[in-house]
Amino acid sequence: MISRLIEDTIILETIEHSTRKRQLHCSLLSQSGKMVDMALKVLDDYHVMENLYMDPKYMYICESFLGLLNALLSWIPANDLEPKVQLIFRILCSCLNCNLISIKSSGIDCMYQILLRKGSKKEVEVLFNFFHLDFMNNILTAVE
């Protein structure tokens, strides 16, 4: 539901009332840090569980929260992501190393959102922190 609201309000801009659109955009922006924290916490808690491979509900939870993280990574200010770079890196690398194609694919989609971002020089520098040697090695290992 949150992913759909983000998509309608920010990505697709399908809300026609400019006042309501501005209110929703401001509300989403003010809560974006909490939404990222929630997605990262759930992914960190569930993805490392062995039950993920045995129980479809755990896989569904991970896929859903990777979808939310994907939507958030496309527009949240890079400065808000900076303190979370290491955790995001660890979770996405874990997804790349997952045997489940759907989780691996969702992790790749999140990385792609990071690569697609445009912004000021300072924002780009923050995002380059994602792509250090360890991260690139994980990507190459997953591709093999």
N, C-alpha and C. Protein backbone atom coordinates (compact mmCIF):
# COMPACT_ATOMS: atom_id res chain seq x y z
N MET A 1 0.82 -1.18 0.00
CA MET A 1 0.00 0.00 0.00
C MET A 1 0.88 1.25 0.00
N ILE A 2 1.93 1.24 0.82
CA ILE A 2 2.83 2.39 0.86
C ILE A 2 3.53 2.54 -0.47
N SER A 3 3.96 1.42 -1.05
CA SER A 3 4.63 1.47 -2.36
C SER A 3 3.71 2.08 -3.41
N ARG A 4 2.45 1.71 -3.38
CA ARG A 4 1.49 2.25 -4.35
C ARG A 4 1.28 3.75 -4.15
N LEU A 5 1.21 4.20 -2.90
CA LEU A 5 1.06 5.62 -2.61
C LEU A 5 2.28 6.39 -3.12
N ILE A 6 3.47 5.85 -2.89
CA ILE A 6 4.70 6.49 -3.38
C ILE A 6 4.67 6.55 -4.90
N GLU A 7 4.29 5.45 -5.52
CA GLU A 7 4.24 5.40 -6.98
C GLU A 7 3.26 6.44 -7.53
N ASP A 8 2.06 6.50 -6.99
CA ASP A 8 1.05 7.43 -7.48
C ASP A 8 1.43 8.89 -7.22
N THR A 9 2.01 9.16 -6.08
CA THR A 9 2.28 10.54 -5.68
C THR A 9 3.58 11.07 -6.28
N ILE A 10 4.63 10.29 -6.22
CA ILE A 10 5.95 10.81 -6.56
C ILE A 10 6.44 10.33 -7.93
N ILE A 11 6.33 9.06 -8.19
CA ILE A 11 6.91 8.52 -9.41
C ILE A 11 6.05 8.82 -10.63
N LEU A 12 4.78 8.45 -10.58
CA LEU A 12 3.90 8.66 -11.73
C LEU A 12 3.21 10.01 -11.72
N GLU A 13 3.13 10.63 -10.56
CA GLU A 13 2.47 11.92 -10.40
C GLU A 13 1.04 11.89 -10.96
N THR A 14 0.26 10.90 -10.53
CA THR A 14 -1.09 10.74 -11.06
C THR A 14 -2.15 11.50 -10.28
N ILE A 15 -1.78 12.13 -9.19
CA ILE A 15 -2.76 12.87 -8.39
C ILE A 15 -2.94 14.25 -9.02
N GLU A 16 -4.19 14.58 -9.35
CA GLU A 16 -4.47 15.79 -10.12
C GLU A 16 -4.58 17.05 -9.27
N HIS A 17 -5.13 16.96 -8.07
CA HIS A 17 -5.23 18.15 -7.22
C HIS A 17 -3.84 18.55 -6.74
N SER A 18 -3.40 19.71 -7.14
CA SER A 18 -2.03 20.12 -6.80
C SER A 18 -1.84 20.30 -5.30
N THR A 19 -2.86 20.80 -4.60
CA THR A 19 -2.74 20.99 -3.16
C THR A 19 -2.62 19.64 -2.45
N ARG A 20 -3.47 18.71 -2.83
CA ARG A 20 -3.44 17.37 -2.21
C ARG A 20 -2.14 16.64 -2.57
N LYS A 21 -1.70 16.81 -3.79
CA LYS A 21 -0.45 16.19 -4.23
C LYS A 21 0.71 16.73 -3.41
N ARG A 22 0.74 18.03 -3.20
CA ARG A 22 1.81 18.66 -2.41
C ARG A 22 1.78 18.17 -0.97
N GLN A 23 0.57 18.05 -0.39
CA GLN A 23 0.43 17.55 0.98
C GLN A 23 0.95 16.12 1.10
N LEU A 24 0.55 15.27 0.17
CA LEU A 24 1.00 13.87 0.20
C LEU A 24 2.51 13.78 0.01
N HIS A 25 3.03 14.57 -0.91
CA HIS A 25 4.47 14.57 -1.17
C HIS A 25 5.24 14.99 0.07
N CYS A 26 4.80 16.05 0.71
CA CYS A 26 5.47 16.53 1.94
C CYS A 26 5.37 15.49 3.06
N SER A 27 4.21 14.87 3.18
CA SER A 27 4.04 13.83 4.22
C SER A 27 4.95 12.64 3.96
N LEU A 28 5.01 12.20 2.73
CA LEU A 28 5.89 11.07 2.39
C LEU A 28 7.35 11.43 2.64
N LEU A 29 7.72 12.63 2.23
CA LEU A 29 9.11 13.07 2.42
C LEU A 29 9.46 13.15 3.89
N SER A 30 8.54 13.66 4.71
CA SER A 30 8.84 13.79 6.14
C SER A 30 8.93 12.44 6.84
N GLN A 31 8.28 11.43 6.29
CA GLN A 31 8.29 10.10 6.90
C GLN A 31 9.20 9.11 6.16
N SER A 32 9.90 9.59 5.15
CA SER A 32 10.69 8.68 4.32
C SER A 32 11.79 7.97 5.11
N GLY A 33 12.41 8.66 6.04
CA GLY A 33 13.45 8.03 6.86
C GLY A 33 12.89 6.87 7.67
N LYS A 34 11.70 7.07 8.24
CA LYS A 34 11.07 6.00 9.02
C LYS A 34 10.67 4.83 8.14
N MET A 35 10.22 5.13 6.93
CA MET A 35 9.84 4.05 6.02
C MET A 35 11.05 3.22 5.60
N VAL A 36 12.17 3.90 5.33
CA VAL A 36 13.40 3.17 4.98
C VAL A 36 13.86 2.34 6.16
N ASP A 37 13.83 2.94 7.36
CA ASP A 37 14.24 2.19 8.56
C ASP A 37 13.37 0.95 8.76
N MET A 38 12.06 1.10 8.55
CA MET A 38 11.15 -0.04 8.71
C MET A 38 11.48 -1.14 7.69
N ALA A 39 11.65 -0.75 6.44
CA ALA A 39 11.96 -1.74 5.40
C ALA A 39 13.28 -2.45 5.70
N LEU A 40 14.29 -1.68 6.10
CA LEU A 40 15.60 -2.28 6.39
C LEU A 40 15.53 -3.20 7.60
N LYS A 41 14.77 -2.81 8.61
CA LYS A 41 14.65 -3.65 9.81
C LYS A 41 13.99 -4.99 9.47
N VAL A 42 12.89 -4.91 8.74
CA VAL A 42 12.19 -6.15 8.37
C VAL A 42 13.08 -7.02 7.50
N LEU A 43 13.73 -6.43 6.52
CA LEU A 43 14.61 -7.21 5.64
C LEU A 43 15.78 -7.80 6.41
N ASP A 44 16.33 -7.02 7.31
CA ASP A 44 17.46 -7.51 8.11
C ASP A 44 17.01 -8.66 9.02
N ASP A 45 15.82 -8.54 9.59
CA ASP A 45 15.30 -9.59 10.48
C ASP A 45 14.90 -10.85 9.73
N TYR A 46 14.18 -10.69 8.62
CA TYR A 46 13.61 -11.84 7.94
C TYR A 46 14.54 -12.50 6.94
N HIS A 47 15.32 -11.72 6.26
CA HIS A 47 16.11 -12.30 5.18
C HIS A 47 17.17 -13.26 5.69
N VAL A 48 17.67 -13.03 6.88
CA VAL A 48 18.71 -13.92 7.39
C VAL A 48 18.14 -15.20 8.00
N MET A 49 16.83 -15.27 8.11
CA MET A 49 16.21 -16.45 8.73
C MET A 49 16.22 -17.63 7.77
N GLU A 50 16.54 -18.78 8.28
CA GLU A 50 16.52 -19.98 7.46
C GLU A 50 15.11 -20.32 7.00
N ASN A 51 14.12 -19.87 7.75
CA ASN A 51 12.72 -20.15 7.39
C ASN A 51 12.34 -19.57 6.05
N LEU A 52 13.08 -18.55 5.61
CA LEU A 52 12.77 -17.91 4.34
C LEU A 52 12.71 -18.94 3.22
N TYR A 53 13.59 -19.91 3.27
CA TYR A 53 13.68 -20.88 2.20
C TYR A 53 12.63 -21.98 2.32
N MET A 54 12.01 -22.08 3.48
CA MET A 54 11.04 -23.14 3.70
C MET A 54 9.60 -22.66 3.68
N ASP A 55 9.39 -21.42 4.03
CA ASP A 55 8.03 -20.92 4.19
C ASP A 55 7.77 -19.77 3.22
N PRO A 56 6.80 -19.91 2.32
CA PRO A 56 6.52 -18.86 1.33
C PRO A 56 6.15 -17.51 1.95
N LYS A 57 5.61 -17.51 3.18
CA LYS A 57 5.22 -16.22 3.76
C LYS A 57 6.45 -15.37 4.06
N TYR A 58 7.56 -15.98 4.45
CA TYR A 58 8.78 -15.21 4.69
C TYR A 58 9.32 -14.65 3.38
N MET A 59 9.27 -15.45 2.34
CA MET A 59 9.72 -14.99 1.03
C MET A 59 8.85 -13.83 0.56
N TYR A 60 7.54 -13.93 0.76
CA TYR A 60 6.62 -12.87 0.36
C TYR A 60 6.90 -11.58 1.14
N ILE A 61 7.18 -11.70 2.42
CA ILE A 61 7.51 -10.52 3.24
C ILE A 61 8.76 -9.85 2.70
N CYS A 62 9.79 -10.63 2.42
CA CYS A 62 11.03 -10.06 1.89
C CYS A 62 10.80 -9.39 0.53
N GLU A 63 10.07 -10.05 -0.34
CA GLU A 63 9.79 -9.47 -1.66
C GLU A 63 9.01 -8.17 -1.53
N SER A 64 8.04 -8.13 -0.63
CA SER A 64 7.23 -6.93 -0.43
C SER A 64 8.07 -5.77 0.08
N PHE A 65 8.92 -6.04 1.05
CA PHE A 65 9.73 -4.96 1.61
C PHE A 65 10.87 -4.56 0.69
N LEU A 66 11.35 -5.48 -0.15
CA LEU A 66 12.31 -5.09 -1.18
C LEU A 66 11.64 -4.18 -2.20
N GLY A 67 10.37 -4.44 -2.51
CA GLY A 67 9.61 -3.56 -3.39
C GLY A 67 9.45 -2.17 -2.80
N LEU A 68 9.17 -2.10 -1.50
CA LEU A 68 9.07 -0.81 -0.82
C LEU A 68 10.42 -0.10 -0.85
N LEU A 69 11.48 -0.81 -0.53
CA LEU A 69 12.82 -0.21 -0.55
C LEU A 69 13.16 0.28 -1.95
N ASN A 70 12.79 -0.47 -2.96
CA ASN A 70 13.02 -0.08 -4.34
C ASN A 70 12.32 1.25 -4.65
N ALA A 71 11.06 1.36 -4.24
CA ALA A 71 10.31 2.60 -4.47
C ALA A 71 10.94 3.77 -3.71
N LEU A 72 11.39 3.53 -2.49
CA LEU A 72 11.99 4.60 -1.70
C LEU A 72 13.34 5.03 -2.26
N LEU A 73 14.13 4.09 -2.73
CA LEU A 73 15.46 4.42 -3.25
C LEU A 73 15.40 5.29 -4.49
N SER A 74 14.27 5.32 -5.16
CA SER A 74 14.17 6.10 -6.38
C SER A 74 14.01 7.60 -6.13
N TRP A 75 13.62 8.00 -4.91
CA TRP A 75 13.35 9.43 -4.71
C TRP A 75 13.79 9.99 -3.36
N ILE A 76 14.06 9.17 -2.37
CA ILE A 76 14.43 9.69 -1.06
C ILE A 76 15.75 10.47 -1.19
N PRO A 77 15.89 11.60 -0.49
CA PRO A 77 17.13 12.37 -0.59
C PRO A 77 18.35 11.53 -0.20
N ALA A 78 19.40 11.66 -0.98
CA ALA A 78 20.61 10.87 -0.76
C ALA A 78 21.20 11.10 0.63
N ASN A 79 21.06 12.31 1.13
CA ASN A 79 21.60 12.60 2.47
C ASN A 79 20.90 11.77 3.55
N ASP A 80 19.63 11.44 3.32
CA ASP A 80 18.91 10.59 4.27
C ASP A 80 19.38 9.14 4.19
N LEU A 81 19.92 8.76 3.05
CA LEU A 81 20.42 7.40 2.88
C LEU A 81 21.83 7.22 3.43
N GLU A 82 22.58 8.30 3.51
CA GLU A 82 24.00 8.21 3.88
C GLU A 82 24.26 7.43 5.16
N PRO A 83 23.54 7.67 6.26
CA PRO A 83 23.83 6.89 7.47
C PRO A 83 23.42 5.42 7.36
N LYS A 84 22.67 5.09 6.34
CA LYS A 84 22.16 3.72 6.19
C LYS A 84 22.90 2.94 5.11
N VAL A 85 23.93 3.53 4.52
CA VAL A 85 24.63 2.92 3.38
C VAL A 85 25.13 1.52 3.72
N GLN A 86 25.76 1.35 4.87
CA GLN A 86 26.33 0.04 5.21
C GLN A 86 25.25 -1.03 5.36
N LEU A 87 24.15 -0.69 6.01
CA LEU A 87 23.07 -1.66 6.19
C LEU A 87 22.42 -2.00 4.85
N ILE A 88 22.17 -0.99 4.03
CA ILE A 88 21.60 -1.23 2.71
C ILE A 88 22.54 -2.12 1.90
N PHE A 89 23.82 -1.81 1.95
CA PHE A 89 24.84 -2.60 1.26
C PHE A 89 24.79 -4.06 1.70
N ARG A 90 24.75 -4.28 3.00
CA ARG A 90 24.74 -5.64 3.53
C ARG A 90 23.49 -6.41 3.10
N ILE A 91 22.34 -5.74 3.16
CA ILE A 91 21.08 -6.40 2.79
C ILE A 91 21.05 -6.72 1.30
N LEU A 92 21.48 -5.76 0.47
CA LEU A 92 21.45 -6.00 -0.97
C LEU A 92 22.45 -7.09 -1.37
N CYS A 93 23.60 -7.12 -0.73
CA CYS A 93 24.57 -8.20 -1.00
C CYS A 93 24.00 -9.54 -0.58
N SER A 94 23.29 -9.55 0.53
CA SER A 94 22.65 -10.78 0.99
C SER A 94 21.61 -11.25 -0.03
N CYS A 95 20.90 -10.30 -0.61
CA CYS A 95 19.91 -10.65 -1.64
C CYS A 95 20.60 -11.22 -2.88
N LEU A 96 21.74 -10.63 -3.24
CA LEU A 96 22.47 -11.13 -4.41
C LEU A 96 22.95 -12.56 -4.22
N ASN A 97 23.26 -12.90 -2.99
CA ASN A 97 23.78 -14.23 -2.69
C ASN A 97 22.68 -15.24 -2.38
N CYS A 98 21.43 -14.80 -2.45
CA CYS A 98 20.29 -15.67 -2.15
C CYS A 98 20.06 -16.66 -3.30
N ASN A 99 19.64 -17.85 -2.96
CA ASN A 99 19.35 -18.87 -3.97
C ASN A 99 18.01 -18.65 -4.66
N LEU A 100 17.14 -17.86 -4.05
CA LEU A 100 15.82 -17.60 -4.63
C LEU A 100 15.92 -16.50 -5.68
N ILE A 101 15.56 -16.82 -6.89
CA ILE A 101 15.67 -15.87 -8.00
C ILE A 101 14.85 -14.61 -7.74
N SER A 102 13.68 -14.74 -7.16
CA SER A 102 12.82 -13.56 -6.93
C SER A 102 13.47 -12.58 -5.96
N ILE A 103 14.14 -13.08 -4.93
CA ILE A 103 14.83 -12.21 -3.98
C ILE A 103 16.05 -11.58 -4.64
N LYS A 104 16.79 -12.38 -5.38
CA LYS A 104 17.97 -11.87 -6.09
C LYS A 104 17.56 -10.77 -7.07
N SER A 105 16.49 -11.02 -7.82
CA SER A 105 16.00 -10.06 -8.80
C SER A 105 15.54 -8.76 -8.13
N SER A 106 14.86 -8.87 -7.01
CA SER A 106 14.40 -7.67 -6.28
C SER A 106 15.58 -6.87 -5.76
N GLY A 107 16.62 -7.56 -5.30
CA GLY A 107 17.84 -6.87 -4.85
C GLY A 107 18.51 -6.14 -5.99
N ILE A 108 18.55 -6.76 -7.16
CA ILE A 108 19.13 -6.12 -8.34
C ILE A 108 18.32 -4.90 -8.73
N ASP A 109 16.99 -4.99 -8.64
CA ASP A 109 16.14 -3.83 -8.93
C ASP A 109 16.46 -2.66 -8.01
N CYS A 110 16.71 -2.94 -6.73
CA CYS A 110 17.07 -1.88 -5.78
C CYS A 110 18.39 -1.23 -6.18
N MET A 111 19.36 -2.04 -6.56
CA MET A 111 20.65 -1.49 -7.00
C MET A 111 20.47 -0.63 -8.24
N TYR A 112 19.62 -1.08 -9.13
CA TYR A 112 19.37 -0.33 -10.35
C TYR A 112 18.77 1.04 -10.04
N GLN A 113 17.89 1.11 -9.04
CA GLN A 113 17.33 2.40 -8.64
C GLN A 113 18.41 3.35 -8.16
N ILE A 114 19.40 2.81 -7.46
CA ILE A 114 20.51 3.64 -6.99
C ILE A 114 21.29 4.17 -8.18
N LEU A 115 21.54 3.31 -9.16
CA LEU A 115 22.30 3.72 -10.35
C LEU A 115 21.56 4.74 -11.20
N LEU A 116 20.23 4.66 -11.23
CA LEU A 116 19.44 5.57 -12.06
C LEU A 116 19.33 6.98 -11.51
N ARG A 117 19.64 7.14 -10.24
CA ARG A 117 19.42 8.43 -9.60
C ARG A 117 20.30 9.51 -10.20
N LYS A 118 19.73 10.69 -10.26
CA LYS A 118 20.46 11.87 -10.69
C LYS A 118 20.38 12.87 -9.56
N GLY A 119 21.31 13.78 -9.53
CA GLY A 119 21.27 14.79 -8.48
C GLY A 119 22.51 15.65 -8.50
N SER A 120 22.66 16.42 -7.45
CA SER A 120 23.82 17.29 -7.34
C SER A 120 25.08 16.46 -7.14
N LYS A 121 26.22 17.11 -7.25
CA LYS A 121 27.50 16.42 -7.08
C LYS A 121 27.59 15.78 -5.70
N LYS A 122 27.10 16.49 -4.68
CA LYS A 122 27.13 15.95 -3.31
C LYS A 122 26.27 14.70 -3.19
N GLU A 123 25.08 14.71 -3.79
CA GLU A 123 24.21 13.53 -3.75
C GLU A 123 24.85 12.35 -4.47
N VAL A 124 25.47 12.61 -5.60
CA VAL A 124 26.11 11.54 -6.36
C VAL A 124 27.26 10.94 -5.56
N GLU A 125 28.01 11.78 -4.84
CA GLU A 125 29.11 11.28 -4.00
C GLU A 125 28.59 10.35 -2.91
N VAL A 126 27.46 10.71 -2.31
CA VAL A 126 26.85 9.86 -1.28
C VAL A 126 26.50 8.51 -1.88
N LEU A 127 25.92 8.51 -3.07
CA LEU A 127 25.50 7.27 -3.71
C LEU A 127 26.68 6.43 -4.16
N PHE A 128 27.80 7.07 -4.48
CA PHE A 128 29.00 6.31 -4.86
C PHE A 128 29.54 5.49 -3.70
N ASN A 129 29.18 5.86 -2.47
CA ASN A 129 29.61 5.07 -1.32
C ASN A 129 29.08 3.64 -1.38
N PHE A 130 27.99 3.45 -2.12
CA PHE A 130 27.45 2.11 -2.26
C PHE A 130 28.39 1.22 -3.07
N PHE A 131 29.03 1.81 -4.04
CA PHE A 131 29.76 1.02 -5.01
C PHE A 131 31.26 0.99 -4.72
N HIS A 132 31.59 0.39 -3.60
CA HIS A 132 33.00 0.19 -3.26
C HIS A 132 33.39 -1.22 -3.66
N LEU A 133 34.64 -1.58 -3.45
CA LEU A 133 35.18 -2.84 -3.96
C LEU A 133 34.42 -4.07 -3.46
N ASP A 134 34.09 -4.12 -2.18
CA ASP A 134 33.36 -5.28 -1.65
C ASP A 134 32.01 -5.46 -2.33
N PHE A 135 31.34 -4.36 -2.54
CA PHE A 135 30.03 -4.40 -3.17
C PHE A 135 30.15 -4.90 -4.60
N MET A 136 31.12 -4.37 -5.33
CA MET A 136 31.31 -4.78 -6.71
C MET A 136 31.70 -6.26 -6.78
N ASN A 137 32.50 -6.72 -5.85
CA ASN A 137 32.86 -8.15 -5.81
C ASN A 137 31.63 -9.02 -5.60
N ASN A 138 30.72 -8.58 -4.74
CA ASN A 138 29.47 -9.32 -4.52
C ASN A 138 28.62 -9.37 -5.79
N ILE A 139 28.58 -8.27 -6.51
CA ILE A 139 27.82 -8.23 -7.76
C ILE A 139 28.42 -9.21 -8.76
N LEU A 140 29.75 -9.19 -8.89
CA LEU A 140 30.41 -10.08 -9.84
C LEU A 140 30.24 -11.55 -9.45
N THR A 141 30.30 -11.83 -8.16
CA THR A 141 30.10 -13.20 -7.69
C THR A 141 28.69 -13.67 -7.99
N ALA A 142 27.71 -12.80 -7.80
CA ALA A 142 26.32 -13.17 -8.06
C ALA A 142 26.08 -13.42 -9.54
N VAL A 143 26.77 -12.68 -10.39
CA VAL A 143 26.60 -12.83 -11.83
C VAL A 143 27.17 -14.17 -12.31
N GLU A 144 28.25 -14.60 -11.69
CA GLU A 144 28.87 -15.87 -12.08
C GLU A 144 27.91 -16.97 -11.80
